[in-house]
Amino acid sequence: MNDRPDNTDPDQPQRKGALIAIIVIAAIVVGGYMLSAKLRSSTATEDCLMAGRKNCAPIAADGGGVAK
């Protein structure tokens, strides 16, 4: 009745291509987000320096200098 074996799917190559495309698009979106975050940070530092301030480095809030 059916000439194809049960374990083969004729849409398998299309699904694999679509999955690869989704992974590539997700990687591009994540990379773009990371790049924009880095550029935003660099822009804030550059704006601080262009305003003539000298202490523009971000302050680490690790609490290392607080006595208990």
C-alpha atoms as a PDB file:
ATOM      1  CA  MET A   1       0.000   0.000   0.000  1.00  0.00           C
ATOM      2  CA  ASN A   2       2.626   2.499   1.037  1.00  0.00           C
ATOM      3  CA  ASP A   3       5.980   2.258  -0.770  1.00  0.00           C
ATOM      4  CA  ARG A   4       7.861   4.428   1.746  1.00  0.00           C
ATOM      5  CA  PRO A   5       9.169   3.076   5.034  1.00  0.00           C
ATOM      6  CA  ASP A   6       7.451   4.491   8.112  1.00  0.00           C
ATOM      7  CA  ASN A   7      10.570   6.174   9.514  1.00  0.00           C
ATOM      8  CA  THR A   8      11.224   8.546   6.579  1.00  0.00           C
ATOM      9  CA  ASP A   9       9.635  11.964   6.394  1.00  0.00           C
ATOM     10  CA  PRO A  10       9.579  13.793   3.047  1.00  0.00           C
ATOM     11  CA  ASP A  11       9.621  17.157   4.857  1.00  0.00           C
ATOM     12  CA  GLN A  12      12.802  16.364   6.835  1.00  0.00           C
ATOM     13  CA  PRO A  13      15.199  18.465   4.654  1.00  0.00           C
ATOM     14  CA  GLN A  14      12.848  21.446   4.815  1.00  0.00           C
ATOM     15  CA  ARG A  15      12.548  21.176   8.586  1.00  0.00           C
ATOM     16  CA  LYS A  16      16.301  20.932   8.994  1.00  0.00           C
ATOM     17  CA  GLY A  17      16.829  24.016   6.837  1.00  0.00           C
ATOM     18  CA  ALA A  18      14.197  25.945   8.755  1.00  0.00           C
ATOM     19  CA  LEU A  19      15.755  24.954  12.076  1.00  0.00           C
ATOM     20  CA  ILE A  20      19.183  26.094  10.917  1.00  0.00           C
ATOM     21  CA  ALA A  21      17.688  29.392   9.739  1.00  0.00           C
ATOM     22  CA  ILE A  22      16.006  29.959  13.116  1.00  0.00           C
ATOM     23  CA  ILE A  23      19.276  29.244  14.944  1.00  0.00           C
ATOM     24  CA  VAL A  24      21.198  31.658  12.694  1.00  0.00           C
ATOM     25  CA  ILE A  25      18.585  34.400  13.147  1.00  0.00           C
ATOM     26  CA  ALA A  26      18.588  33.894  16.934  1.00  0.00           C
ATOM     27  CA  ALA A  27      22.395  34.154  16.990  1.00  0.00           C
ATOM     28  CA  ILE A  28      22.249  37.387  14.985  1.00  0.00           C
ATOM     29  CA  VAL A  29      19.631  38.857  17.336  1.00  0.00           C
ATOM     30  CA  VAL A  30      21.620  37.924  20.458  1.00  0.00           C
ATOM     31  CA  GLY A  31      24.844  39.259  18.927  1.00  0.00           C
ATOM     32  CA  GLY A  32      23.123  42.493  17.956  1.00  0.00           C
ATOM     33  CA  TYR A  33      21.769  42.943  21.458  1.00  0.00           C
ATOM     34  CA  MET A  34      25.196  42.355  23.008  1.00  0.00           C
ATOM     35  CA  LEU A  35      26.802  44.777  20.555  1.00  0.00           C
ATOM     36  CA  SER A  36      24.241  47.487  21.264  1.00  0.00           C
ATOM     37  CA  ALA A  37      24.725  47.068  25.030  1.00  0.00           C
ATOM     38  CA  LYS A  38      28.502  47.440  24.643  1.00  0.00           C
ATOM     39  CA  LEU A  39      28.104  50.484  22.400  1.00  0.00           C
ATOM     40  CA  ARG A  40      25.686  52.056  24.888  1.00  0.00           C
ATOM     41  CA  SER A  41      28.232  51.613  27.675  1.00  0.00           C
ATOM     42  CA  SER A  42      31.035  53.048  25.559  1.00  0.00           C
ATOM     43  CA  THR A  43      28.873  56.000  24.560  1.00  0.00           C
ATOM     44  CA  ALA A  44      28.075  56.809  28.186  1.00  0.00           C
ATOM     45  CA  THR A  45      31.772  56.780  29.073  1.00  0.00           C
ATOM     46  CA  GLU A  46      32.640  58.900  26.044  1.00  0.00           C
ATOM     47  CA  ASP A  47      29.909  61.426  26.898  1.00  0.00           C
ATOM     48  CA  CYS A  48      31.287  61.670  30.424  1.00  0.00           C
ATOM     49  CA  LEU A  49      34.810  62.311  29.152  1.00  0.00           C
ATOM     50  CA  MET A  50      33.619  64.845  26.578  1.00  0.00           C
ATOM     51  CA  ALA A  51      31.882  66.756  29.388  1.00  0.00           C
ATOM     52  CA  GLY A  52      35.318  67.291  30.949  1.00  0.00           C
ATOM     53  CA  ARG A  53      34.936  64.957  33.891  1.00  0.00           C
ATOM     54  CA  LYS A  54      37.867  62.778  34.905  1.00  0.00           C
ATOM     55  CA  ASN A  55      36.266  60.039  37.035  1.00  0.00           C
ATOM     56  CA  CYS A  56      34.091  58.347  34.415  1.00  0.00           C
ATOM     57  CA  ALA A  57      34.900  54.718  35.178  1.00  0.00           C
ATOM     58  CA  PRO A  58      31.938  52.671  36.409  1.00  0.00           C
ATOM     59  CA  ILE A  59      31.935  52.072  40.149  1.00  0.00           C
ATOM     60  CA  ALA A  60      31.949  48.437  41.231  1.00  0.00           C
ATOM     61  CA  ALA A  61      29.265  47.840  43.862  1.00  0.00           C
ATOM     62  CA  ASP A  62      30.830  44.771  45.479  1.00  0.00           C
ATOM     63  CA  GLY A  63      30.819  46.229  48.985  1.00  0.00           C
ATOM     64  CA  GLY A  64      34.528  45.523  49.487  1.00  0.00           C
ATOM     65  CA  GLY A  65      35.248  48.758  51.337  1.00  0.00           C
ATOM     66  CA  VAL A  66      32.395  48.554  53.810  1.00  0.00           C
ATOM     67  CA  ALA A  67      33.368  47.614  57.372  1.00  0.00           C
ATOM     68  CA  LYS A  68      31.048  45.274  59.232  1.00  0.00           C
END
